Every structure is written in C-alpha cells, then in structure tokens.
Amino acid sequence: MPFTPDLVDELNTLVYFDLGSTQQGIKIHKTADPAIIAATRRLHSKGLLTLVDGGYLSSLGRDAAEHAQAALTILNSTPSPTAGSQ
C-alpha cells in the first residue's frame, strides 16, 4: 500500500519534533499550511499527539516519530557504490 498524501503530511509533521528532548513539543499556528493543520489533528485523533494543535508526542507518537525520522535519514542518504556496479 503506497503512502497517501494525507500520510505524507502526517510523516512530515512527525519529523518536526525534536527527539532529543521529551520536554519540547510543537504548536501548529492557525495560519500554517491547511494540510499540516489537518495532519496534526489526525495525529491527535490517532493518539500520537497530546493536543489537537500539536503539543507533545505520546509514547506511540514518539515511536512513530523515531521511525519517520529514521526513514527520512535513510532515504536522504547518498547511495554507496556496490561491488560490480558501474
């Protein structure tokens, strides 16, 4: 199953979180991109965020954000040359 545009917006929202601190959340302003506002509301309804406009990550949200950020790091990496390829 491919990522839908809504899921991509949710993943993009999750990568805004600083995983280095559990005391730092985010606040999505009312003038933000409507797609990000909607994604934040969906993440809250799924139990990943503490507030409808952001807040902090729940335990499940932290797991999801860790995976989203790891996937982004992997996909943004430069491929290493493999033996035998030219």
PDB file of N, CA and C in Angstrom:
ATOM      1  N   MET A   1       0.847  -1.167   0.000  1.00  0.00           N
ATOM      2  CA  MET A   1       0.000   0.000   0.000  1.00  0.00           C
ATOM      3  C   MET A   1       0.901   1.242   0.000  1.00  0.00           C
ATOM      4  N   PRO A   2       0.733   2.137  -0.948  1.00  0.00           N
ATOM      5  CA  PRO A   2       1.576   3.339  -1.014  1.00  0.00           C
ATOM      6  C   PRO A   2       1.136   4.392   0.009  1.00  0.00           C
ATOM      7  N   PHE A   3       2.027   5.343   0.259  1.00  0.00           N
ATOM      8  CA  PHE A   3       1.688   6.469   1.122  1.00  0.00           C
ATOM      9  C   PHE A   3       0.695   7.370   0.403  1.00  0.00           C
ATOM     10  N   THR A   4      -0.378   7.731   1.087  1.00  0.00           N
ATOM     11  CA  THR A   4      -1.336   8.698   0.552  1.00  0.00           C
ATOM     12  C   THR A   4      -0.812  10.098   0.858  1.00  0.00           C
ATOM     13  N   PRO A   5      -1.330  11.117   0.185  1.00  0.00           N
ATOM     14  CA  PRO A   5      -0.913  12.481   0.524  1.00  0.00           C
ATOM     15  C   PRO A   5      -1.157  12.822   2.001  1.00  0.00           C
ATOM     16  N   ASP A   6      -2.257  12.328   2.578  1.00  0.00           N
ATOM     17  CA  ASP A   6      -2.524  12.584   3.998  1.00  0.00           C
ATOM     18  C   ASP A   6      -1.450  11.961   4.884  1.00  0.00           C
ATOM     19  N   LEU A   7      -1.039  10.738   4.565  1.00  0.00           N
ATOM     20  CA  LEU A   7       0.007  10.083   5.354  1.00  0.00           C
ATOM     21  C   LEU A   7       1.343  10.802   5.212  1.00  0.00           C
ATOM     22  N   VAL A   8       1.638  11.279   4.020  1.00  0.00           N
ATOM     23  CA  VAL A   8       2.876  12.044   3.813  1.00  0.00           C
ATOM     24  C   VAL A   8       2.848  13.309   4.677  1.00  0.00           C
ATOM     25  N   ASP A   9       1.702  13.978   4.738  1.00  0.00           N
ATOM     26  CA  ASP A   9       1.582  15.167   5.589  1.00  0.00           C
ATOM     27  C   ASP A   9       1.780  14.810   7.062  1.00  0.00           C
ATOM     28  N   GLU A  10       1.261  13.665   7.478  1.00  0.00           N
ATOM     29  CA  GLU A  10       1.445  13.231   8.861  1.00  0.00           C
ATOM     30  C   GLU A  10       2.914  12.913   9.140  1.00  0.00           C
ATOM     31  N   LEU A  11       3.572  12.235   8.215  1.00  0.00           N
ATOM     32  CA  LEU A  11       5.003  11.949   8.375  1.00  0.00           C
ATOM     33  C   LEU A  11       5.806  13.242   8.439  1.00  0.00           C
ATOM     34  N   ASN A  12       5.474  14.191   7.569  1.00  0.00           N
ATOM     35  CA  ASN A  12       6.176  15.481   7.582  1.00  0.00           C
ATOM     36  C   ASN A  12       5.966  16.210   8.903  1.00  0.00           C
ATOM     37  N   THR A  13       4.795  16.078   9.494  1.00  0.00           N
ATOM     38  CA  THR A  13       4.535  16.696  10.795  1.00  0.00           C
ATOM     39  C   THR A  13       5.366  16.030  11.883  1.00  0.00           C
ATOM     40  N   LEU A  14       5.462  14.715  11.845  1.00  0.00           N
ATOM     41  CA  LEU A  14       6.227  13.987  12.864  1.00  0.00           C
ATOM     42  C   LEU A  14       7.709  14.340  12.845  1.00  0.00           C
ATOM     43  N   VAL A  15       8.251  14.673  11.684  1.00  0.00           N
ATOM     44  CA  VAL A  15       9.687  14.982  11.635  1.00  0.00           C
ATOM     45  C   VAL A  15      10.007  16.375  12.182  1.00  0.00           C
ATOM     46  N   TYR A  16       8.991  17.180  12.486  1.00  0.00           N
ATOM     47  CA  TYR A  16       9.233  18.476  13.130  1.00  0.00           C
ATOM     48  C   TYR A  16       9.657  18.320  14.589  1.00  0.00           C
ATOM     49  N   PHE A  17       9.337  17.187  15.205  1.00  0.00           N
ATOM     50  CA  PHE A  17       9.614  17.005  16.624  1.00  0.00           C
ATOM     51  C   PHE A  17      11.092  16.743  16.873  1.00  0.00           C
ATOM     52  N   ASP A  18      11.618  17.388  17.918  1.00  0.00           N
ATOM     53  CA  ASP A  18      12.994  17.175  18.358  1.00  0.00           C
ATOM     54  C   ASP A  18      12.987  15.983  19.305  1.00  0.00           C
ATOM     55  N   LEU A  19      13.551  14.873  18.867  1.00  0.00           N
ATOM     56  CA  LEU A  19      13.552  13.664  19.680  1.00  0.00           C
ATOM     57  C   LEU A  19      14.612  13.692  20.772  1.00  0.00           C
ATOM     58  N   GLY A  20      15.418  14.728  20.790  1.00  0.00           N
ATOM     59  CA  GLY A  20      16.441  14.865  21.818  1.00  0.00           C
ATOM     60  C   GLY A  20      15.882  15.288  23.166  1.00  0.00           C
ATOM     61  N   SER A  21      14.615  15.698  23.200  1.00  0.00           N
ATOM     62  CA  SER A  21      14.008  16.159  24.439  1.00  0.00           C
ATOM     63  C   SER A  21      12.539  15.755  24.491  1.00  0.00           C
ATOM     64  N   THR A  22      12.123  15.245  25.635  1.00  0.00           N
ATOM     65  CA  THR A  22      10.699  14.938  25.811  1.00  0.00           C
ATOM     66  C   THR A  22       9.945  16.161  26.321  1.00  0.00           C
ATOM     67  N   GLN A  23      10.675  17.225  26.644  1.00  0.00           N
ATOM     68  CA  GLN A  23      10.072  18.441  27.182  1.00  0.00           C
ATOM     69  C   GLN A  23       9.808  19.496  26.115  1.00  0.00           C
ATOM     70  N   GLN A  24      10.052  19.153  24.856  1.00  0.00           N
ATOM     71  CA  GLN A  24       9.856  20.108  23.774  1.00  0.00           C
ATOM     72  C   GLN A  24       8.799  19.575  22.822  1.00  0.00           C
ATOM     73  N   GLY A  25       7.731  20.352  22.656  1.00  0.00           N
ATOM     74  CA  GLY A  25       6.674  19.977  21.734  1.00  0.00           C
ATOM     75  C   GLY A  25       6.635  20.947  20.571  1.00  0.00           C
ATOM     76  N   ILE A  26       5.531  20.915  19.850  1.00  0.00           N
ATOM     77  CA  ILE A  26       5.334  21.867  18.759  1.00  0.00           C
ATOM     78  C   ILE A  26       3.942  22.476  18.876  1.00  0.00           C
ATOM     79  N   LYS A  27       3.778  23.632  18.278  1.00  0.00           N
ATOM     80  CA  LYS A  27       2.487  24.305  18.198  1.00  0.00           C
ATOM     81  C   LYS A  27       2.277  24.658  16.743  1.00  0.00           C
ATOM     82  N   ILE A  28       1.217  24.138  16.165  1.00  0.00           N
ATOM     83  CA  ILE A  28       0.881  24.459  14.781  1.00  0.00           C
ATOM     84  C   ILE A  28      -0.034  25.679  14.801  1.00  0.00           C
ATOM     85  N   HIS A  29       0.434  26.770  14.248  1.00  0.00           N
ATOM     86  CA  HIS A  29      -0.306  28.027  14.250  1.00  0.00           C
ATOM     87  C   HIS A  29      -1.486  27.951  13.290  1.00  0.00           C
ATOM     88  N   LYS A  30      -2.513  28.728  13.571  1.00  0.00           N
ATOM     89  CA  LYS A  30      -3.722  28.706  12.737  1.00  0.00           C
ATOM     90  C   LYS A  30      -3.469  29.183  11.310  1.00  0.00           C
ATOM     91  N   THR A  31      -2.345  29.861  11.074  1.00  0.00           N
ATOM     92  CA  THR A  31      -2.021  30.323   9.721  1.00  0.00           C
ATOM     93  C   THR A  31      -1.113  29.347   8.975  1.00  0.00           C
ATOM     94  N   ALA A  32      -0.824  28.201   9.586  1.00  0.00           N
ATOM     95  CA  ALA A  32       0.029  27.188   8.941  1.00  0.00           C
ATOM     96  C   ALA A  32      -0.676  26.605   7.722  1.00  0.00           C
ATOM     97  N   ASP A  33       0.069  25.878   6.938  1.00  0.00           N
ATOM     98  CA  ASP A  33      -0.474  25.181   5.774  1.00  0.00           C
ATOM     99  C   ASP A  33      -1.665  24.331   6.226  1.00  0.00           C
ATOM    100  N   PRO A  34      -2.827  24.484   5.580  1.00  0.00           N
ATOM    101  CA  PRO A  34      -4.011  23.703   5.974  1.00  0.00           C
ATOM    102  C   PRO A  34      -3.775  22.192   5.988  1.00  0.00           C
ATOM    103  N   ALA A  35      -2.914  21.702   5.118  1.00  0.00           N
ATOM    104  CA  ALA A  35      -2.626  20.262   5.098  1.00  0.00           C
ATOM    105  C   ALA A  35      -1.908  19.836   6.377  1.00  0.00           C
ATOM    106  N   ILE A  36      -1.025  20.684   6.897  1.00  0.00           N
ATOM    107  CA  ILE A  36      -0.307  20.372   8.137  1.00  0.00           C
ATOM    108  C   ILE A  36      -1.245  20.497   9.338  1.00  0.00           C
ATOM    109  N   ILE A  37      -2.132  21.481   9.317  1.00  0.00           N
ATOM    110  CA  ILE A  37      -3.131  21.609  10.387  1.00  0.00           C
ATOM    111  C   ILE A  37      -3.988  20.349  10.438  1.00  0.00           C
ATOM    112  N   ALA A  38      -4.450  19.896   9.285  1.00  0.00           N
ATOM    113  CA  ALA A  38      -5.280  18.687   9.221  1.00  0.00           C
ATOM    114  C   ALA A  38      -4.490  17.457   9.661  1.00  0.00           C
ATOM    115  N   ALA A  39      -3.231  17.372   9.244  1.00  0.00           N
ATOM    116  CA  ALA A  39      -2.388  16.235   9.633  1.00  0.00           C
ATOM    117  C   ALA A  39      -2.198  16.202  11.146  1.00  0.00           C
ATOM    118  N   THR A  40      -2.000  17.358  11.750  1.00  0.00           N
ATOM    119  CA  THR A  40      -1.817  17.433  13.200  1.00  0.00           C
ATOM    120  C   THR A  40      -3.082  16.978  13.915  1.00  0.00           C
ATOM    121  N   ARG A  41      -4.222  17.380  13.418  1.00  0.00           N
ATOM    122  CA  ARG A  41      -5.495  16.937  14.014  1.00  0.00           C
ATOM    123  C   ARG A  41      -5.658  15.425  13.894  1.00  0.00           C
ATOM    124  N   ARG A  42      -5.283  14.866  12.740  1.00  0.00           N
ATOM    125  CA  ARG A  42      -5.392  13.414  12.567  1.00  0.00           C
ATOM    126  C   ARG A  42      -4.443  12.682  13.511  1.00  0.00           C
ATOM    127  N   LEU A  43      -3.217  13.196  13.646  1.00  0.00           N
ATOM    128  CA  LEU A  43      -2.258  12.569  14.557  1.00  0.00           C
ATOM    129  C   LEU A  43      -2.781  12.600  15.993  1.00  0.00           C
ATOM    130  N   HIS A  44      -3.422  13.696  16.373  1.00  0.00           N
ATOM    131  CA  HIS A  44      -4.019  13.789  17.707  1.00  0.00           C
ATOM    132  C   HIS A  44      -5.142  12.764  17.860  1.00  0.00           C
ATOM    133  N   SER A  45      -5.995  12.652  16.857  1.00  0.00           N
ATOM    134  CA  SER A  45      -7.116  11.704  16.949  1.00  0.00           C
ATOM    135  C   SER A  45      -6.637  10.253  16.969  1.00  0.00           C
ATOM    136  N   LYS A  46      -5.453  10.003  16.430  1.00  0.00           N
ATOM    137  CA  LYS A  46      -4.870   8.653  16.444  1.00  0.00           C
ATOM    138  C   LYS A  46      -4.096   8.382  17.732  1.00  0.00           C
ATOM    139  N   GLY A  47      -4.021   9.387  18.604  1.00  0.00           N
ATOM    140  CA  GLY A  47      -3.342   9.212  19.878  1.00  0.00           C
ATOM    141  C   GLY A  47      -1.845   9.427  19.839  1.00  0.00           C
ATOM    142  N   LEU A  48      -1.333  10.056  18.783  1.00  0.00           N
ATOM    143  CA  LEU A  48       0.108  10.274  18.672  1.00  0.00           C
ATOM    144  C   LEU A  48       0.551  11.601  19.267  1.00  0.00           C
ATOM    145  N   LEU A  49      -0.362  12.570  19.356  1.00  0.00           N
ATOM    146  CA  LEU A  49      -0.054  13.889  19.902  1.00  0.00           C
ATOM    147  C   LEU A  49      -0.983  14.196  21.069  1.00  0.00           C
ATOM    148  N   THR A  50      -0.500  15.010  22.011  1.00  0.00           N
ATOM    149  CA  THR A  50      -1.298  15.322  23.196  1.00  0.00           C
ATOM    150  C   THR A  50      -2.352  16.392  22.951  1.00  0.00           C
ATOM    151  N   LEU A  51      -2.139  17.257  21.979  1.00  0.00           N
ATOM    152  CA  LEU A  51      -3.082  18.344  21.714  1.00  0.00           C
ATOM    153  C   LEU A  51      -3.460  18.377  20.241  1.00  0.00           C
ATOM    154  N   VAL A  52      -4.633  18.902  19.972  1.00  0.00           N
ATOM    155  CA  VAL A  52      -5.119  18.952  18.595  1.00  0.00           C
ATOM    156  C   VAL A  52      -4.253  19.854  17.711  1.00  0.00           C
ATOM    157  N   ASP A  53      -3.570  20.835  18.322  1.00  0.00           N
ATOM    158  CA  ASP A  53      -2.701  21.733  17.548  1.00  0.00           C
ATOM    159  C   ASP A  53      -1.219  21.431  17.774  1.00  0.00           C
ATOM    160  N   GLY A  54      -0.929  20.207  18.190  1.00  0.00           N
ATOM    161  CA  GLY A  54       0.465  19.803  18.371  1.00  0.00           C
ATOM    162  C   GLY A  54       0.716  19.261  19.758  1.00  0.00           C
ATOM    163  N   GLY A  55       1.330  20.087  20.590  1.00  0.00           N
ATOM    164  CA  GLY A  55       1.652  19.637  21.938  1.00  0.00           C
ATOM    165  C   GLY A  55       2.864  18.732  21.934  1.00  0.00           C
ATOM    166  N   TYR A  56       2.765  17.655  22.701  1.00  0.00           N
ATOM    167  CA  TYR A  56       3.868  16.710  22.852  1.00  0.00           C
ATOM    168  C   TYR A  56       3.515  15.383  22.199  1.00  0.00           C
ATOM    169  N   LEU A  57       4.536  14.595  21.961  1.00  0.00           N
ATOM    170  CA  LEU A  57       4.329  13.250  21.440  1.00  0.00           C
ATOM    171  C   LEU A  57       3.881  12.329  22.569  1.00  0.00           C
ATOM    172  N   SER A  58       2.910  11.478  22.289  1.00  0.00           N
ATOM    173  CA  SER A  58       2.583  10.397  23.216  1.00  0.00           C
ATOM    174  C   SER A  58       3.670   9.333  23.066  1.00  0.00           C
ATOM    175  N   SER A  59       3.591   8.285  23.852  1.00  0.00           N
ATOM    176  CA  SER A  59       4.556   7.194  23.725  1.00  0.00           C
ATOM    177  C   SER A  59       4.503   6.602  22.316  1.00  0.00           C
ATOM    178  N   LEU A  60       3.300   6.364  21.821  1.00  0.00           N
ATOM    179  CA  LEU A  60       3.139   5.847  20.457  1.00  0.00           C
ATOM    180  C   LEU A  60       3.631   6.866  19.434  1.00  0.00           C
ATOM    181  N   GLY A  61       3.349   8.142  19.682  1.00  0.00           N
ATOM    182  CA  GLY A  61       3.804   9.196  18.785  1.00  0.00           C
ATOM    183  C   GLY A  61       5.316   9.280  18.712  1.00  0.00           C
ATOM    184  N   ARG A  62       5.963   9.091  19.857  1.00  0.00           N
ATOM    185  CA  ARG A  62       7.435   9.107  19.864  1.00  0.00           C
ATOM    186  C   ARG A  62       7.982   7.960  19.033  1.00  0.00           C
ATOM    187  N   ASP A  63       7.384   6.771  19.181  1.00  0.00           N
ATOM    188  CA  ASP A  63       7.810   5.631  18.361  1.00  0.00           C
ATOM    189  C   ASP A  63       7.644   5.946  16.876  1.00  0.00           C
ATOM    190  N   ALA A  64       6.495   6.512  16.521  1.00  0.00           N
ATOM    191  CA  ALA A  64       6.230   6.842  15.115  1.00  0.00           C
ATOM    192  C   ALA A  64       7.202   7.898  14.608  1.00  0.00           C
ATOM    193  N   ALA A  65       7.466   8.918  15.424  1.00  0.00           N
ATOM    194  CA  ALA A  65       8.394   9.978  15.019  1.00  0.00           C
ATOM    195  C   ALA A  65       9.810   9.436  14.848  1.00  0.00           C
ATOM    196  N   GLU A  66      10.223   8.534  15.740  1.00  0.00           N
ATOM    197  CA  GLU A  66      11.551   7.923  15.605  1.00  0.00           C
ATOM    198  C   GLU A  66      11.666   7.167  14.289  1.00  0.00           C
ATOM    199  N   HIS A  67      10.645   6.403  13.956  1.00  0.00           N
ATOM    200  CA  HIS A  67      10.669   5.643  12.702  1.00  0.00           C
ATOM    201  C   HIS A  67      10.605   6.568  11.488  1.00  0.00           C
ATOM    202  N   ALA A  68       9.770   7.604  11.563  1.00  0.00           N
ATOM    203  CA  ALA A  68       9.659   8.550  10.448  1.00  0.00           C
ATOM    204  C   ALA A  68      10.990   9.251  10.208  1.00  0.00           C
ATOM    205  N   GLN A  69      11.631   9.689  11.293  1.00  0.00           N
ATOM    206  CA  GLN A  69      12.900  10.390  11.147  1.00  0.00           C
ATOM    207  C   GLN A  69      14.006   9.451  10.675  1.00  0.00           C
ATOM    208  N   ALA A  70      13.976   8.204  11.123  1.00  0.00           N
ATOM    209  CA  ALA A  70      14.969   7.227  10.656  1.00  0.00           C
ATOM    210  C   ALA A  70      14.784   6.946   9.170  1.00  0.00           C
ATOM    211  N   ALA A  71      13.543   6.775   8.739  1.00  0.00           N
ATOM    212  CA  ALA A  71      13.278   6.521   7.319  1.00  0.00           C
ATOM    213  C   ALA A  71      13.735   7.708   6.476  1.00  0.00           C
ATOM    214  N   LEU A  72      13.466   8.913   6.945  1.00  0.00           N
ATOM    215  CA  LEU A  72      13.886  10.108   6.209  1.00  0.00           C
ATOM    216  C   LEU A  72      15.407  10.165   6.093  1.00  0.00           C
ATOM    217  N   THR A  73      16.109   9.845   7.166  1.00  0.00           N
ATOM    218  CA  THR A  73      17.576   9.829   7.139  1.00  0.00           C
ATOM    219  C   THR A  73      18.087   8.809   6.127  1.00  0.00           C
ATOM    220  N   ILE A  74      17.519   7.616   6.145  1.00  0.00           N
ATOM    221  CA  ILE A  74      17.941   6.562   5.218  1.00  0.00           C
ATOM    222  C   ILE A  74      17.666   6.967   3.776  1.00  0.00           C
ATOM    223  N   LEU A  75      16.480   7.476   3.517  1.00  0.00           N
ATOM    224  CA  LEU A  75      16.101   7.815   2.141  1.00  0.00           C
ATOM    225  C   LEU A  75      16.848   9.028   1.606  1.00  0.00           C
ATOM    226  N   ASN A  76      17.321   9.887   2.495  1.00  0.00           N
ATOM    227  CA  ASN A  76      18.094  11.059   2.070  1.00  0.00           C
ATOM    228  C   ASN A  76      19.586  10.783   1.969  1.00  0.00           C
ATOM    229  N   SER A  77      20.013   9.582   2.339  1.00  0.00           N
ATOM    230  CA  SER A  77      21.442   9.269   2.303  1.00  0.00           C
ATOM    231  C   SER A  77      21.905   9.051   0.866  1.00  0.00           C
ATOM    232  N   THR A  78      23.190   9.257   0.671  1.00  0.00           N
ATOM    233  CA  THR A  78      23.800   9.027  -0.634  1.00  0.00           C
ATOM    234  C   THR A  78      24.080   7.541  -0.771  1.00  0.00           C
ATOM    235  N   PRO A  79      23.625   6.938  -1.859  1.00  0.00           N
ATOM    236  CA  PRO A  79      23.869   5.501  -2.010  1.00  0.00           C
ATOM    237  C   PRO A  79      25.359   5.207  -2.119  1.00  0.00           C
ATOM    238  N   SER A  80      25.754   4.124  -1.490  1.00  0.00           N
ATOM    239  CA  SER A  80      27.154   3.719  -1.589  1.00  0.00           C
ATOM    240  C   SER A  80      27.313   2.804  -2.793  1.00  0.00           C
ATOM    241  N   PRO A  81      28.445   2.901  -3.464  1.00  0.00           N
ATOM    242  CA  PRO A  81      28.657   2.035  -4.630  1.00  0.00           C
ATOM    243  C   PRO A  81      28.727   0.576  -4.191  1.00  0.00           C
ATOM    244  N   THR A  82      28.121  -0.282  -4.980  1.00  0.00           N
ATOM    245  CA  THR A  82      28.164  -1.713  -4.675  1.00  0.00           C
ATOM    246  C   THR A  82      29.185  -2.385  -5.571  1.00  0.00           C
ATOM    247  N   ALA A  83      29.694  -3.473  -5.108  1.00  0.00           N
ATOM    248  CA  ALA A  83      30.709  -4.206  -5.876  1.00  0.00           C
ATOM    249  C   ALA A  83      30.125  -4.665  -7.199  1.00  0.00           C
ATOM    250  N   GLY A  84      30.848  -4.425  -8.257  1.00  0.00           N
ATOM    251  CA  GLY A  84      30.437  -4.887  -9.575  1.00  0.00           C
ATOM    252  C   GLY A  84      29.529  -3.941 -10.335  1.00  0.00           C
ATOM    253  N   SER A  85      29.017  -2.890  -9.699  1.00  0.00           N
ATOM    254  CA  SER A  85      28.163  -1.957 -10.440  1.00  0.00           C
ATOM    255  C   SER A  85      29.020  -0.853 -11.039  1.00  0.00           C
ATOM    256  N   GLN A  86      28.557  -0.284 -12.115  1.00  0.00           N
ATOM    257  CA  GLN A  86      29.330   0.754 -12.792  1.00  0.00           C
ATOM    258  C   GLN A  86      28.493   1.957 -13.052  1.00  0.00           C
TER     259      GLN A  86
END
